Amino acid sequence: MTDGIARDGRFTTGTTDGAETDAELLDDLISCGRAVVSAGLVRGSGGNLSARRPGTRNCWVTATGTWLDRLTPDDFSLVDIETGAVLAGNRRPTSEVLLHLASYRARPDANALIHLHPQLSVLLDAMGEPIRLVTIDHAYYLREVRSTPFTQSGTAELAQVAAAAVRDGANCVILGHHGCSVLGDGLELALKRALNLEEAATATYRALMLGRSVPECPPEYLERITAAEAGSAAVGAP
């Protein structure tokens, strides 16, 4: 069984990509829940998580009302991505289950989705301030941060708006006055993106408080990274 995610956000061994069984995947989701709460990205039950094993047509998603730092295997629902039918586990998936399902349908390459309510990210977006990617970590993991106007939570409309925002390959979107939706090919990458999103928001906020323009990561950094990726060259994380 994988060891999952440490409290500081690091995976100690396994990732979603390496989760061979549903039990291992649930262990990783439970650890991820602890990590996002420990990092201050969510309060109480204000967020939800999901993941699937690559190539499968269903995902495990947190149940409604669950606190992310108190998750147990009983706090997850196995849901058919196409039909929304609950196949196993808790019979009451999160009220945002449609958001998860629509995003997976739009992005077959995504195997994890983290939906949180990060305060600075949401505040800056509500103020019309774009979140700047200041460091190479921000640029490497996020690439860009998209934004959608306010749409009522828990609705099919929100699900479609969020899915449309990531359909072409973007992995991080701010849902106006609500939260964020962050995708990854596994929980490890999705978590790194969620952490870097709020870190980038914090850097942006601090620069604005100082009355200074916010310095962004030089564009040539990402240009080099994307060129190497397009050429299938090995590119290491910062």
Protein backbone atom coordinates (compact mmCIF):
# COMPACT_ATOMS: atom_id res chain seq x y z
CA MET A 1 0.00 0.00 0.00
CA THR A 2 1.28 3.47 -0.75
CA ASP A 3 2.33 5.76 2.07
CA GLY A 4 0.45 8.71 0.60
CA ILE A 5 0.99 12.42 1.22
CA ALA A 6 2.89 13.80 4.17
CA ARG A 7 1.41 16.70 6.13
CA ASP A 8 3.71 19.18 4.43
CA GLY A 9 2.26 18.21 1.06
CA ARG A 10 4.94 15.75 -0.03
CA PHE A 11 4.07 12.26 -1.18
CA THR A 12 6.22 9.96 0.89
CA THR A 13 6.16 7.20 -1.74
CA GLY A 14 3.06 6.53 -3.80
CA THR A 15 1.02 8.68 -6.14
CA THR A 16 -2.36 8.26 -7.79
CA ASP A 17 -0.49 7.05 -10.85
CA GLY A 18 0.97 4.23 -8.77
CA ALA A 19 -2.21 3.33 -6.86
CA GLU A 20 -2.93 -0.21 -7.97
CA THR A 21 -6.07 -0.72 -5.90
CA ASP A 22 -9.03 1.34 -4.78
CA ALA A 23 -7.83 0.96 -1.18
CA GLU A 24 -4.51 2.57 -2.07
CA LEU A 25 -6.26 5.38 -3.92
CA LEU A 26 -8.49 6.07 -0.92
CA ASP A 27 -5.42 6.17 1.33
CA ASP A 28 -3.89 8.80 -0.93
CA LEU A 29 -7.11 10.84 -0.95
CA ILE A 30 -7.28 10.71 2.85
CA SER A 31 -3.69 11.92 3.09
CA CYS A 32 -4.38 14.66 0.56
CA GLY A 33 -7.28 15.89 2.67
CA ARG A 34 -5.02 16.21 5.69
CA ALA A 35 -2.42 18.03 3.61
CA VAL A 36 -4.75 20.72 2.25
CA VAL A 37 -6.18 21.44 5.69
CA SER A 38 -2.70 21.54 7.23
CA ALA A 39 -1.67 24.04 4.53
CA GLY A 40 -4.62 26.29 5.42
CA LEU A 41 -6.30 25.90 2.04
CA VAL A 42 -9.69 24.92 3.46
CA ARG A 43 -11.74 25.26 6.63
CA GLY A 44 -14.16 22.65 7.89
CA SER A 45 -16.01 20.91 5.09
CA GLY A 46 -15.35 23.66 2.53
CA GLY A 47 -13.91 21.60 -0.29
CA ASN A 48 -13.95 18.20 -1.94
CA LEU A 49 -11.54 15.79 -3.59
CA SER A 50 -11.69 13.08 -6.21
CA ALA A 51 -9.38 10.71 -8.02
CA ARG A 52 -9.52 7.74 -10.33
CA ARG A 53 -7.13 5.07 -11.47
CA PRO A 54 -5.92 5.86 -15.01
CA GLY A 55 -8.13 4.40 -17.71
CA THR A 56 -11.12 3.76 -15.48
CA ARG A 57 -14.63 5.12 -16.02
CA ASN A 58 -15.43 5.92 -12.42
CA CYS A 59 -13.92 8.06 -9.68
CA TRP A 60 -13.85 8.15 -5.91
CA VAL A 61 -15.16 11.46 -4.58
CA THR A 62 -15.61 12.75 -1.05
CA ALA A 63 -19.09 12.48 0.41
CA THR A 64 -21.23 15.48 1.27
CA GLY A 65 -20.40 17.34 4.48
CA THR A 66 -17.06 15.62 5.08
CA TRP A 67 -14.19 17.41 6.83
CA LEU A 68 -11.09 16.90 4.75
CA ASP A 69 -8.75 16.31 7.68
CA ARG A 70 -11.04 13.66 9.20
CA LEU A 71 -11.65 11.45 6.20
CA THR A 72 -12.02 7.67 6.45
CA PRO A 73 -12.68 5.14 3.67
CA ASP A 74 -16.38 5.41 4.54
CA ASP A 75 -16.38 9.07 3.46
CA PHE A 76 -16.06 8.36 -0.27
CA SER A 77 -18.48 7.53 -3.06
CA LEU A 78 -17.53 5.60 -6.18
CA VAL A 79 -19.33 7.39 -9.03
CA ASP A 80 -19.73 6.52 -12.70
CA ILE A 81 -18.19 9.44 -14.62
CA GLU A 82 -20.63 9.19 -17.54
CA THR A 83 -23.92 8.55 -15.75
CA GLY A 84 -23.34 9.95 -12.26
CA ALA A 85 -24.61 6.72 -10.71
CA VAL A 86 -23.21 5.89 -7.27
CA LEU A 87 -21.67 2.46 -7.65
CA ALA A 88 -20.26 1.85 -4.18
CA GLY A 89 -19.35 3.47 -0.91
CA ASN A 90 -21.17 6.40 0.63
CA ARG A 91 -24.53 6.95 -1.04
CA ARG A 92 -24.34 10.76 -0.76
CA PRO A 93 -21.44 12.20 -2.79
CA THR A 94 -20.43 15.85 -2.44
CA SER A 95 -22.88 18.46 -3.72
CA GLU A 96 -20.16 19.40 -6.24
CA VAL A 97 -20.01 15.92 -7.77
CA LEU A 98 -21.18 17.31 -11.14
CA LEU A 99 -18.11 19.58 -11.22
CA HIS A 100 -15.81 16.57 -10.86
CA LEU A 101 -17.63 14.44 -13.43
CA ALA A 102 -17.83 17.18 -16.07
CA SER A 103 -14.14 17.96 -15.66
CA TYR A 104 -13.13 14.31 -16.09
CA ARG A 105 -15.30 14.04 -19.19
CA ALA A 106 -13.65 17.16 -20.61
CA ARG A 107 -10.17 15.98 -19.67
CA PRO A 108 -9.59 12.23 -20.12
CA ASP A 109 -5.93 12.79 -19.14
CA ALA A 110 -6.88 14.05 -15.67
CA ASN A 111 -6.96 11.53 -12.84
CA ALA A 112 -7.38 13.85 -9.85
CA LEU A 113 -9.36 16.98 -9.04
CA ILE A 114 -8.99 19.17 -5.96
CA HIS A 115 -11.76 21.70 -5.30
CA LEU A 116 -11.01 24.08 -2.43
CA HIS A 117 -11.91 27.55 -1.14
CA PRO A 118 -8.48 29.26 -0.88
CA GLN A 119 -9.12 32.69 0.58
CA LEU A 120 -6.48 34.89 -1.05
CA SER A 121 -6.95 33.35 -4.47
CA VAL A 122 -10.70 33.95 -4.33
CA LEU A 123 -10.26 37.46 -2.88
CA LEU A 124 -7.84 38.62 -5.58
CA ASP A 125 -10.07 37.23 -8.30
CA ALA A 126 -13.12 38.96 -6.81
CA MET A 127 -11.16 42.24 -6.83
CA GLY A 128 -10.28 41.80 -10.49
CA GLU A 129 -6.60 41.27 -9.67
CA PRO A 130 -5.03 38.45 -11.69
CA ILE A 131 -2.86 36.06 -9.74
CA ARG A 132 0.70 36.54 -10.97
CA LEU A 133 3.13 33.67 -11.37
CA VAL A 134 6.17 35.12 -9.62
CA THR A 135 8.51 32.19 -9.10
CA ILE A 136 9.64 29.37 -11.35
CA ASP A 137 7.59 26.99 -9.18
CA HIS A 138 4.44 29.00 -9.83
CA ALA A 139 5.16 29.08 -13.56
CA TYR A 140 6.13 25.41 -13.83
CA TYR A 141 3.19 23.95 -11.94
CA LEU A 142 0.41 26.38 -12.84
CA ARG A 143 1.36 27.66 -16.33
CA GLU A 144 -1.71 29.90 -16.19
CA VAL A 145 -4.61 30.66 -13.87
CA ARG A 146 -8.03 31.01 -15.46
CA SER A 147 -11.10 32.66 -13.99
CA THR A 148 -14.82 32.15 -14.41
CA PRO A 149 -17.65 34.49 -13.35
CA PHE A 150 -19.82 33.63 -10.38
CA THR A 151 -22.08 30.65 -11.00
CA GLN A 152 -24.28 29.06 -8.35
CA SER A 153 -22.46 26.29 -6.52
CA GLY A 154 -23.56 22.69 -6.85
CA THR A 155 -25.26 23.22 -10.21
CA ALA A 156 -24.88 21.64 -13.62
CA GLU A 157 -24.21 25.14 -14.94
CA LEU A 158 -21.16 25.53 -12.69
CA ALA A 159 -19.94 22.09 -13.72
CA GLN A 160 -20.12 23.00 -17.39
CA VAL A 161 -18.45 26.39 -16.89
CA ALA A 162 -15.57 24.80 -14.95
CA ALA A 163 -15.16 22.00 -17.49
CA ALA A 164 -15.12 24.44 -20.39
CA ALA A 165 -12.35 26.43 -18.69
CA VAL A 166 -10.01 23.42 -18.58
CA ARG A 167 -11.07 21.58 -21.73
CA ASP A 168 -8.08 22.77 -23.78
CA GLY A 169 -5.48 21.72 -21.21
CA ALA A 170 -5.51 24.41 -18.51
CA ASN A 171 -5.28 22.89 -15.05
CA CYS A 172 -6.18 25.67 -12.65
CA VAL A 173 -9.34 27.77 -12.61
CA ILE A 174 -10.75 30.20 -10.07
CA LEU A 175 -14.52 29.90 -9.73
CA GLY A 176 -15.74 33.44 -9.05
CA HIS A 177 -16.53 34.21 -5.37
CA HIS A 178 -16.34 30.50 -4.65
CA GLY A 179 -13.10 28.55 -4.88
CA CYS A 180 -10.74 26.80 -7.23
CA SER A 181 -10.74 23.68 -9.36
CA VAL A 182 -7.31 22.15 -9.89
CA LEU A 183 -6.55 19.12 -12.06
CA GLY A 184 -3.61 16.76 -12.34
CA ASP A 185 -2.63 13.45 -13.85
CA GLY A 186 -2.50 12.27 -10.25
CA LEU A 187 -3.08 13.57 -6.73
CA GLU A 188 0.55 14.52 -6.25
CA LEU A 189 0.56 16.97 -9.16
CA ALA A 190 -2.91 18.32 -8.37
CA LEU A 191 -1.82 19.00 -4.79
CA LYS A 192 1.35 20.77 -5.90
CA ARG A 193 -0.75 22.96 -8.17
CA ALA A 194 -3.21 23.80 -5.40
CA LEU A 195 -0.38 24.72 -3.04
CA ASN A 196 1.36 26.85 -5.65
CA LEU A 197 -1.88 28.61 -6.56
CA GLU A 198 -2.39 30.01 -3.06
CA GLU A 199 1.34 30.71 -2.72
CA ALA A 200 1.21 32.74 -5.95
CA ALA A 201 -1.87 34.56 -4.66
CA THR A 202 -0.03 35.35 -1.42
CA ALA A 203 2.98 36.74 -3.31
CA THR A 204 0.67 38.83 -5.49
CA TYR A 205 -1.21 40.17 -2.48
CA ARG A 206 1.96 41.10 -0.60
CA ALA A 207 3.41 42.97 -3.57
CA LEU A 208 0.16 44.89 -4.00
CA MET A 209 0.13 45.76 -0.28
CA LEU A 210 3.61 47.22 -0.69
CA GLY A 211 2.29 49.40 -3.48
CA ARG A 212 4.64 47.82 -5.96
CA SER A 213 4.05 46.26 -9.38
CA VAL A 214 4.05 42.49 -9.15
CA PRO A 215 7.11 40.95 -10.84
CA GLU A 216 6.26 37.89 -12.91
CA CYS A 217 8.50 34.98 -13.76
CA PRO A 218 10.47 35.83 -16.94
CA PRO A 219 8.60 34.37 -19.95
CA GLU A 220 11.74 32.75 -21.33
CA TYR A 221 11.64 30.26 -18.46
CA LEU A 222 8.34 28.76 -19.57
CA GLU A 223 9.24 29.09 -23.22
CA ARG A 224 12.23 26.84 -22.62
CA ILE A 225 10.17 24.38 -20.58
CA THR A 226 7.35 24.11 -23.12
CA ALA A 227 9.80 23.77 -26.00
CA ALA A 228 11.55 20.91 -24.22
CA GLU A 229 8.20 19.24 -23.44
CA ALA A 230 7.12 19.55 -27.07
CA GLY A 231 10.34 17.85 -28.10
CA SER A 232 9.72 15.07 -25.56
CA ALA A 233 12.88 16.02 -23.71
CA ALA A 234 13.03 15.16 -20.04
CA VAL A 235 12.17 18.24 -17.99
CA GLY A 236 12.61 18.12 -14.25
CA ALA A 237 10.48 20.04 -11.79
CA PRO A 238 12.14 23.04 -10.14
